[in-house]
Amino acid sequence: MRDMLAADPEKLRLWSQEMGMNLSDPLILSRLMLKTALVMNPESVILFSSKQTPRIRTNASVSDDASLEVPARRLYELVHAETVSSS
């Protein structure tokens, strides 16, 4: 997703504006993608991998971050619309 957004600066700008977040920031984008997976698949196991303790703590905190729920749902809608329109 990072590559797709980096390749389309206008989409990056629009999506960032819609989320109220800077999606060009890899940490923000990864947190939002993780939250999207958790919100849209609440009964699933979501795996991530890291050897860096700070990153593990950051990712673990995403599940409790309610402020990401609405942007996560919107990201899902935008990605879904993107994949449907390109089919």
PDB file of N, CA and C in Angstrom:
ATOM      1  N   MET A   1       0.823  -1.173   0.000  1.00  0.00           N
ATOM      2  CA  MET A   1       0.000   0.000   0.000  1.00  0.00           C
ATOM      3  C   MET A   1       0.875   1.246   0.000  1.00  0.00           C
ATOM      4  N   ARG A   2       1.965   1.198   0.736  1.00  0.00           N
ATOM      5  CA  ARG A   2       2.863   2.355   0.772  1.00  0.00           C
ATOM      6  C   ARG A   2       3.353   2.695  -0.630  1.00  0.00           C
ATOM      7  N   ASP A   3       3.726   1.668  -1.406  1.00  0.00           N
ATOM      8  CA  ASP A   3       4.205   1.901  -2.767  1.00  0.00           C
ATOM      9  C   ASP A   3       3.106   2.471  -3.661  1.00  0.00           C
ATOM     10  N   MET A   4       1.886   1.958  -3.501  1.00  0.00           N
ATOM     11  CA  MET A   4       0.763   2.449  -4.309  1.00  0.00           C
ATOM     12  C   MET A   4       0.521   3.934  -4.033  1.00  0.00           C
ATOM     13  N   LEU A   5       0.525   4.306  -2.765  1.00  0.00           N
ATOM     14  CA  LEU A   5       0.281   5.705  -2.411  1.00  0.00           C
ATOM     15  C   LEU A   5       1.454   6.594  -2.831  1.00  0.00           C
ATOM     16  N   ALA A   6       2.670   6.090  -2.682  1.00  0.00           N
ATOM     17  CA  ALA A   6       3.847   6.879  -3.079  1.00  0.00           C
ATOM     18  C   ALA A   6       3.865   7.116  -4.586  1.00  0.00           C
ATOM     19  N   ALA A   7       3.328   6.172  -5.345  1.00  0.00           N
ATOM     20  CA  ALA A   7       3.299   6.297  -6.809  1.00  0.00           C
ATOM     21  C   ALA A   7       2.211   7.252  -7.293  1.00  0.00           C
ATOM     22  N   ASP A   8       1.285   7.616  -6.414  1.00  0.00           N
ATOM     23  CA  ASP A   8       0.173   8.487  -6.797  1.00  0.00           C
ATOM     24  C   ASP A   8       0.035   9.604  -5.759  1.00  0.00           C
ATOM     25  N   PRO A   9       0.813  10.670  -5.893  1.00  0.00           N
ATOM     26  CA  PRO A   9       0.803  11.744  -4.897  1.00  0.00           C
ATOM     27  C   PRO A   9      -0.572  12.368  -4.659  1.00  0.00           C
ATOM     28  N   GLU A  10      -1.383  12.435  -5.696  1.00  0.00           N
ATOM     29  CA  GLU A  10      -2.725  13.017  -5.523  1.00  0.00           C
ATOM     30  C   GLU A  10      -3.593  12.113  -4.643  1.00  0.00           C
ATOM     31  N   LYS A  11      -3.513  10.823  -4.879  1.00  0.00           N
ATOM     32  CA  LYS A  11      -4.268   9.870  -4.046  1.00  0.00           C
ATOM     33  C   LYS A  11      -3.757   9.930  -2.603  1.00  0.00           C
ATOM     34  N   LEU A  12      -2.458   9.991  -2.446  1.00  0.00           N
ATOM     35  CA  LEU A  12      -1.861  10.101  -1.113  1.00  0.00           C
ATOM     36  C   LEU A  12      -2.377  11.345  -0.402  1.00  0.00           C
ATOM     37  N   ARG A  13      -2.410  12.455  -1.110  1.00  0.00           N
ATOM     38  CA  ARG A  13      -2.907  13.698  -0.519  1.00  0.00           C
ATOM     39  C   ARG A  13      -4.377  13.588  -0.127  1.00  0.00           C
ATOM     40  N   LEU A  14      -5.195  13.050  -1.041  1.00  0.00           N
ATOM     41  CA  LEU A  14      -6.629  12.926  -0.774  1.00  0.00           C
ATOM     42  C   LEU A  14      -6.917  11.969   0.370  1.00  0.00           C
ATOM     43  N   TRP A  15      -6.272  10.815   0.342  1.00  0.00           N
ATOM     44  CA  TRP A  15      -6.507   9.831   1.400  1.00  0.00           C
ATOM     45  C   TRP A  15      -6.005  10.352   2.753  1.00  0.00           C
ATOM     46  N   SER A  16      -4.862  11.003   2.756  1.00  0.00           N
ATOM     47  CA  SER A  16      -4.333  11.573   4.000  1.00  0.00           C
ATOM     48  C   SER A  16      -5.288  12.621   4.545  1.00  0.00           C
ATOM     49  N   GLN A  17      -5.813  13.437   3.647  1.00  0.00           N
ATOM     50  CA  GLN A  17      -6.771  14.466   4.052  1.00  0.00           C
ATOM     51  C   GLN A  17      -8.030  13.826   4.612  1.00  0.00           C
ATOM     52  N   GLU A  18      -8.504  12.790   3.960  1.00  0.00           N
ATOM     53  CA  GLU A  18      -9.716  12.123   4.410  1.00  0.00           C
ATOM     54  C   GLU A  18      -9.534  11.456   5.773  1.00  0.00           C
ATOM     55  N   MET A  19      -8.349  10.905   6.017  1.00  0.00           N
ATOM     56  CA  MET A  19      -8.058  10.245   7.292  1.00  0.00           C
ATOM     57  C   MET A  19      -7.706  11.256   8.379  1.00  0.00           C
ATOM     58  N   GLY A  20      -7.270  12.444   7.960  1.00  0.00           N
ATOM     59  CA  GLY A  20      -6.745  13.400   8.936  1.00  0.00           C
ATOM     60  C   GLY A  20      -5.405  12.940   9.476  1.00  0.00           C
ATOM     61  N   MET A  21      -4.682  12.173   8.642  1.00  0.00           N
ATOM     62  CA  MET A  21      -3.389  11.613   9.039  1.00  0.00           C
ATOM     63  C   MET A  21      -2.442  11.678   7.851  1.00  0.00           C
ATOM     64  N   ASN A  22      -1.162  11.763   8.132  1.00  0.00           N
ATOM     65  CA  ASN A  22      -0.153  11.783   7.087  1.00  0.00           C
ATOM     66  C   ASN A  22       0.196  10.346   6.699  1.00  0.00           C
ATOM     67  N   LEU A  23      -0.439   9.840   5.665  1.00  0.00           N
ATOM     68  CA  LEU A  23      -0.228   8.456   5.258  1.00  0.00           C
ATOM     69  C   LEU A  23       1.113   8.232   4.570  1.00  0.00           C
ATOM     70  N   SER A  24       1.878   9.290   4.349  1.00  0.00           N
ATOM     71  CA  SER A  24       3.232   9.098   3.827  1.00  0.00           C
ATOM     72  C   SER A  24       4.190   8.690   4.947  1.00  0.00           C
ATOM     73  N   ASP A  25       3.755   8.815   6.189  1.00  0.00           N
ATOM     74  CA  ASP A  25       4.557   8.391   7.341  1.00  0.00           C
ATOM     75  C   ASP A  25       4.369   6.887   7.522  1.00  0.00           C
ATOM     76  N   PRO A  26       5.428   6.090   7.339  1.00  0.00           N
ATOM     77  CA  PRO A  26       5.287   4.632   7.415  1.00  0.00           C
ATOM     78  C   PRO A  26       4.726   4.134   8.745  1.00  0.00           C
ATOM     79  N   LEU A  27       5.059   4.785   9.846  1.00  0.00           N
ATOM     80  CA  LEU A  27       4.544   4.362  11.149  1.00  0.00           C
ATOM     81  C   LEU A  27       3.034   4.581  11.237  1.00  0.00           C
ATOM     82  N   ILE A  28       2.581   5.730  10.764  1.00  0.00           N
ATOM     83  CA  ILE A  28       1.145   6.024  10.785  1.00  0.00           C
ATOM     84  C   ILE A  28       0.399   5.053   9.883  1.00  0.00           C
ATOM     85  N   LEU A  29       0.907   4.846   8.678  1.00  0.00           N
ATOM     86  CA  LEU A  29       0.240   3.946   7.742  1.00  0.00           C
ATOM     87  C   LEU A  29       0.206   2.524   8.282  1.00  0.00           C
ATOM     88  N   SER A  30       1.293   2.057   8.861  1.00  0.00           N
ATOM     89  CA  SER A  30       1.304   0.679   9.371  1.00  0.00           C
ATOM     90  C   SER A  30       0.352   0.524  10.551  1.00  0.00           C
ATOM     91  N   ARG A  31       0.284   1.514  11.438  1.00  0.00           N
ATOM     92  CA  ARG A  31      -0.674   1.453  12.560  1.00  0.00           C
ATOM     93  C   ARG A  31      -2.109   1.423  12.026  1.00  0.00           C
ATOM     94  N   LEU A  32      -2.385   2.252  11.039  1.00  0.00           N
ATOM     95  CA  LEU A  32      -3.734   2.310  10.491  1.00  0.00           C
ATOM     96  C   LEU A  32      -4.093   1.015   9.763  1.00  0.00           C
ATOM     97  N   MET A  33      -3.148   0.442   9.039  1.00  0.00           N
ATOM     98  CA  MET A  33      -3.413  -0.828   8.362  1.00  0.00           C
ATOM     99  C   MET A  33      -3.660  -1.946   9.374  1.00  0.00           C
ATOM    100  N   LEU A  34      -2.884  -1.962  10.444  1.00  0.00           N
ATOM    101  CA  LEU A  34      -3.090  -2.969  11.491  1.00  0.00           C
ATOM    102  C   LEU A  34      -4.455  -2.785  12.140  1.00  0.00           C
ATOM    103  N   LYS A  35      -4.819  -1.552  12.447  1.00  0.00           N
ATOM    104  CA  LYS A  35      -6.127  -1.290  13.061  1.00  0.00           C
ATOM    105  C   LYS A  35      -7.250  -1.676  12.098  1.00  0.00           C
ATOM    106  N   THR A  36      -7.064  -1.432  10.812  1.00  0.00           N
ATOM    107  CA  THR A  36      -8.071  -1.828   9.829  1.00  0.00           C
ATOM    108  C   THR A  36      -8.275  -3.335   9.861  1.00  0.00           C
ATOM    109  N   ALA A  37      -7.202  -4.092   9.906  1.00  0.00           N
ATOM    110  CA  ALA A  37      -7.309  -5.553   9.978  1.00  0.00           C
ATOM    111  C   ALA A  37      -8.050  -5.981  11.238  1.00  0.00           C
ATOM    112  N   LEU A  38      -7.756  -5.332  12.354  1.00  0.00           N
ATOM    113  CA  LEU A  38      -8.418  -5.688  13.618  1.00  0.00           C
ATOM    114  C   LEU A  38      -9.900  -5.326  13.618  1.00  0.00           C
ATOM    115  N   VAL A  39     -10.233  -4.166  13.081  1.00  0.00           N
ATOM    116  CA  VAL A  39     -11.626  -3.703  13.063  1.00  0.00           C
ATOM    117  C   VAL A  39     -12.472  -4.523  12.091  1.00  0.00           C
ATOM    118  N   MET A  40     -11.919  -4.784  10.926  1.00  0.00           N
ATOM    119  CA  MET A  40     -12.697  -5.462   9.895  1.00  0.00           C
ATOM    120  C   MET A  40     -12.727  -6.984  10.071  1.00  0.00           C
ATOM    121  N   ASN A  41     -11.852  -7.517  10.906  1.00  0.00           N
ATOM    122  CA  ASN A  41     -11.792  -8.967  11.160  1.00  0.00           C
ATOM    123  C   ASN A  41     -11.690  -9.216  12.663  1.00  0.00           C
ATOM    124  N   PRO A  42     -12.700  -8.806  13.424  1.00  0.00           N
ATOM    125  CA  PRO A  42     -12.573  -8.856  14.889  1.00  0.00           C
ATOM    126  C   PRO A  42     -12.419 -10.262  15.474  1.00  0.00           C
ATOM    127  N   GLU A  43     -12.831 -11.268  14.764  1.00  0.00           N
ATOM    128  CA  GLU A  43     -12.726 -12.639  15.273  1.00  0.00           C
ATOM    129  C   GLU A  43     -11.466 -13.344  14.778  1.00  0.00           C
ATOM    130  N   SER A  44     -10.672 -12.670  13.977  1.00  0.00           N
ATOM    131  CA  SER A  44      -9.482 -13.279  13.379  1.00  0.00           C
ATOM    132  C   SER A  44      -8.245 -13.043  14.229  1.00  0.00           C
ATOM    133  N   VAL A  45      -7.253 -13.836  13.980  1.00  0.00           N
ATOM    134  CA  VAL A  45      -5.935 -13.619  14.555  1.00  0.00           C
ATOM    135  C   VAL A  45      -5.147 -12.792  13.551  1.00  0.00           C
ATOM    136  N   ILE A  46      -4.594 -11.700  13.999  1.00  0.00           N
ATOM    137  CA  ILE A  46      -3.809 -10.825  13.140  1.00  0.00           C
ATOM    138  C   ILE A  46      -2.344 -10.962  13.583  1.00  0.00           C
ATOM    139  N   LEU A  47      -1.506 -11.382  12.674  1.00  0.00           N
ATOM    140  CA  LEU A  47      -0.094 -11.585  12.991  1.00  0.00           C
ATOM    141  C   LEU A  47       0.757 -10.456  12.435  1.00  0.00           C
ATOM    142  N   PHE A  48       1.756 -10.071  13.185  1.00  0.00           N
ATOM    143  CA  PHE A  48       2.769  -9.164  12.691  1.00  0.00           C
ATOM    144  C   PHE A  48       4.091  -9.639  13.256  1.00  0.00           C
ATOM    145  N   SER A  49       5.143  -9.222  12.626  1.00  0.00           N
ATOM    146  CA  SER A  49       6.462  -9.680  13.044  1.00  0.00           C
ATOM    147  C   SER A  49       7.403  -8.500  13.186  1.00  0.00           C
ATOM    148  N   SER A  50       8.181  -8.505  14.259  1.00  0.00           N
ATOM    149  CA  SER A  50       9.206  -7.504  14.460  1.00  0.00           C
ATOM    150  C   SER A  50      10.174  -8.007  15.519  1.00  0.00           C
ATOM    151  N   LYS A  51      11.415  -7.610  15.388  1.00  0.00           N
ATOM    152  CA  LYS A  51      12.418  -7.919  16.405  1.00  0.00           C
ATOM    153  C   LYS A  51      12.692  -6.693  17.277  1.00  0.00           C
ATOM    154  N   GLN A  52      12.067  -5.585  16.915  1.00  0.00           N
ATOM    155  CA  GLN A  52      12.308  -4.325  17.621  1.00  0.00           C
ATOM    156  C   GLN A  52      11.258  -4.131  18.712  1.00  0.00           C
ATOM    157  N   THR A  53      11.697  -4.116  19.957  1.00  0.00           N
ATOM    158  CA  THR A  53      10.780  -3.994  21.093  1.00  0.00           C
ATOM    159  C   THR A  53       9.881  -2.765  20.991  1.00  0.00           C
ATOM    160  N   PRO A  54      10.396  -1.587  20.644  1.00  0.00           N
ATOM    161  CA  PRO A  54       9.496  -0.426  20.541  1.00  0.00           C
ATOM    162  C   PRO A  54       8.393  -0.629  19.496  1.00  0.00           C
ATOM    163  N   ARG A  55       8.732  -1.247  18.377  1.00  0.00           N
ATOM    164  CA  ARG A  55       7.731  -1.486  17.340  1.00  0.00           C
ATOM    165  C   ARG A  55       6.685  -2.490  17.817  1.00  0.00           C
ATOM    166  N   ILE A  56       7.103  -3.500  18.550  1.00  0.00           N
ATOM    167  CA  ILE A  56       6.163  -4.487  19.100  1.00  0.00           C
ATOM    168  C   ILE A  56       5.199  -3.793  20.056  1.00  0.00           C
ATOM    169  N   ARG A  57       5.729  -2.930  20.914  1.00  0.00           N
ATOM    170  CA  ARG A  57       4.864  -2.193  21.859  1.00  0.00           C
ATOM    171  C   ARG A  57       3.883  -1.292  21.108  1.00  0.00           C
ATOM    172  N   THR A  58       4.396  -0.604  20.088  1.00  0.00           N
ATOM    173  CA  THR A  58       3.545   0.286  19.290  1.00  0.00           C
ATOM    174  C   THR A  58       2.424  -0.501  18.624  1.00  0.00           C
ATOM    175  N   ASN A  59       2.772  -1.611  17.997  1.00  0.00           N
ATOM    176  CA  ASN A  59       1.755  -2.424  17.324  1.00  0.00           C
ATOM    177  C   ASN A  59       0.765  -3.012  18.316  1.00  0.00           C
ATOM    178  N   ALA A  60       1.233  -3.437  19.468  1.00  0.00           N
ATOM    179  CA  ALA A  60       0.329  -4.004  20.480  1.00  0.00           C
ATOM    180  C   ALA A  60      -0.645  -2.950  20.988  1.00  0.00           C
ATOM    181  N   SER A  61      -0.229  -1.701  21.023  1.00  0.00           N
ATOM    182  CA  SER A  61      -1.106  -0.641  21.529  1.00  0.00           C
ATOM    183  C   SER A  61      -2.208  -0.266  20.544  1.00  0.00           C
ATOM    184  N   VAL A  62      -2.066  -0.649  19.298  1.00  0.00           N
ATOM    185  CA  VAL A  62      -3.047  -0.291  18.268  1.00  0.00           C
ATOM    186  C   VAL A  62      -4.428  -0.848  18.599  1.00  0.00           C
ATOM    187  N   SER A  63      -4.491  -2.039  19.136  1.00  0.00           N
ATOM    188  CA  SER A  63      -5.795  -2.658  19.395  1.00  0.00           C
ATOM    189  C   SER A  63      -6.626  -1.845  20.381  1.00  0.00           C
ATOM    190  N   ASP A  64      -5.982  -1.144  21.304  1.00  0.00           N
ATOM    191  CA  ASP A  64      -6.709  -0.346  22.297  1.00  0.00           C
ATOM    192  C   ASP A  64      -6.922   1.109  21.882  1.00  0.00           C
ATOM    193  N   ASP A  65      -6.407   1.497  20.734  1.00  0.00           N
ATOM    194  CA  ASP A  65      -6.484   2.891  20.301  1.00  0.00           C
ATOM    195  C   ASP A  65      -7.793   3.147  19.557  1.00  0.00           C
ATOM    196  N   ALA A  66      -8.803   3.580  20.300  1.00  0.00           N
ATOM    197  CA  ALA A  66     -10.134   3.817  19.731  1.00  0.00           C
ATOM    198  C   ALA A  66     -10.130   4.961  18.710  1.00  0.00           C
ATOM    199  N   SER A  67      -9.162   5.862  18.795  1.00  0.00           N
ATOM    200  CA  SER A  67      -9.125   6.991  17.861  1.00  0.00           C
ATOM    201  C   SER A  67      -8.838   6.535  16.430  1.00  0.00           C
ATOM    202  N   LEU A  68      -8.341   5.319  16.260  1.00  0.00           N
ATOM    203  CA  LEU A  68      -8.041   4.811  14.919  1.00  0.00           C
ATOM    204  C   LEU A  68      -9.210   4.063  14.280  1.00  0.00           C
ATOM    205  N   GLU A  69     -10.272   3.821  15.044  1.00  0.00           N
ATOM    206  CA  GLU A  69     -11.355   2.981  14.520  1.00  0.00           C
ATOM    207  C   GLU A  69     -12.059   3.588  13.305  1.00  0.00           C
ATOM    208  N   VAL A  70     -12.457   4.832  13.377  1.00  0.00           N
ATOM    209  CA  VAL A  70     -13.155   5.462  12.248  1.00  0.00           C
ATOM    210  C   VAL A  70     -12.226   5.577  11.029  1.00  0.00           C
ATOM    211  N   PRO A  71     -10.994   6.075  11.192  1.00  0.00           N
ATOM    212  CA  PRO A  71     -10.104   6.100  10.030  1.00  0.00           C
ATOM    213  C   PRO A  71      -9.829   4.705   9.465  1.00  0.00           C
ATOM    214  N   ALA A  72      -9.768   3.693  10.321  1.00  0.00           N
ATOM    215  CA  ALA A  72      -9.523   2.326   9.836  1.00  0.00           C
ATOM    216  C   ALA A  72     -10.676   1.857   8.954  1.00  0.00           C
ATOM    217  N   ARG A  73     -11.896   2.138   9.364  1.00  0.00           N
ATOM    218  CA  ARG A  73     -13.052   1.756   8.540  1.00  0.00           C
ATOM    219  C   ARG A  73     -13.050   2.508   7.211  1.00  0.00           C
ATOM    220  N   ARG A  74     -12.671   3.767   7.258  1.00  0.00           N
ATOM    221  CA  ARG A  74     -12.623   4.562   6.026  1.00  0.00           C
ATOM    222  C   ARG A  74     -11.514   4.064   5.104  1.00  0.00           C
ATOM    223  N   LEU A  75     -10.378   3.690   5.673  1.00  0.00           N
ATOM    224  CA  LEU A  75      -9.301   3.139   4.850  1.00  0.00           C
ATOM    225  C   LEU A  75      -9.774   1.865   4.155  1.00  0.00           C
ATOM    226  N   TYR A  76     -10.482   1.029   4.876  1.00  0.00           N
ATOM    227  CA  TYR A  76     -11.019  -0.192   4.269  1.00  0.00           C
ATOM    228  C   TYR A  76     -11.918   0.157   3.081  1.00  0.00           C
ATOM    229  N   GLU A  77     -12.802   1.139   3.270  1.00  0.00           N
ATOM    230  CA  GLU A  77     -13.717   1.544   2.193  1.00  0.00           C
ATOM    231  C   GLU A  77     -12.944   2.052   0.974  1.00  0.00           C
ATOM    232  N   LEU A  78     -11.922   2.861   1.208  1.00  0.00           N
ATOM    233  CA  LEU A  78     -11.139   3.414   0.107  1.00  0.00           C
ATOM    234  C   LEU A  78     -10.377   2.313  -0.638  1.00  0.00           C
ATOM    235  N   VAL A  79      -9.766   1.410   0.105  1.00  0.00           N
ATOM    236  CA  VAL A  79      -9.023   0.311  -0.530  1.00  0.00           C
ATOM    237  C   VAL A  79      -9.973  -0.594  -1.291  1.00  0.00           C
ATOM    238  N   HIS A  80     -11.120  -0.883  -0.677  1.00  0.00           N
ATOM    239  CA  HIS A  80     -12.112  -1.735  -1.342  1.00  0.00           C
ATOM    240  C   HIS A  80     -12.582  -1.087  -2.646  1.00  0.00           C
ATOM    241  N   ALA A  81     -12.896   0.191  -2.612  1.00  0.00           N
ATOM    242  CA  ALA A  81     -13.328   0.906  -3.819  1.00  0.00           C
ATOM    243  C   ALA A  81     -12.224   0.896  -4.881  1.00  0.00           C
ATOM    244  N   GLU A  82     -10.996   1.028  -4.435  1.00  0.00           N
ATOM    245  CA  GLU A  82      -9.849   1.009  -5.356  1.00  0.00           C
ATOM    246  C   GLU A  82      -9.713  -0.347  -6.041  1.00  0.00           C
ATOM    247  N   THR A  83      -9.871  -1.414  -5.287  1.00  0.00           N
ATOM    248  CA  THR A  83      -9.717  -2.749  -5.870  1.00  0.00           C
ATOM    249  C   THR A  83     -10.890  -3.104  -6.766  1.00  0.00           C
ATOM    250  N   VAL A  84     -12.083  -2.644  -6.427  1.00  0.00           N
ATOM    251  CA  VAL A  84     -13.260  -2.905  -7.257  1.00  0.00           C
ATOM    252  C   VAL A  84     -13.151  -2.149  -8.566  1.00  0.00           C
ATOM    253  N   SER A  85     -12.706  -0.875  -8.495  1.00  0.00           N
ATOM    254  CA  SER A  85     -12.623  -0.072  -9.722  1.00  0.00           C
ATOM    255  C   SER A  85     -11.504  -0.530 -10.657  1.00  0.00           C
ATOM    256  N   SER A  86     -10.499  -1.196 -10.124  1.00  0.00           N
ATOM    257  CA  SER A  86      -9.406  -1.652 -10.972  1.00  0.00           C
ATOM    258  C   SER A  86      -9.616  -3.078 -11.471  1.00  0.00           C
ATOM    259  N   SER A  87     -10.736  -3.685 -11.092  1.00  0.00           N
ATOM    260  CA  SER A  87     -11.037  -5.061 -11.566  1.00  0.00           C
ATOM    261  C   SER A  87     -11.648  -5.073 -12.943  1.00  0.00           C
TER     262      SER A  87
END
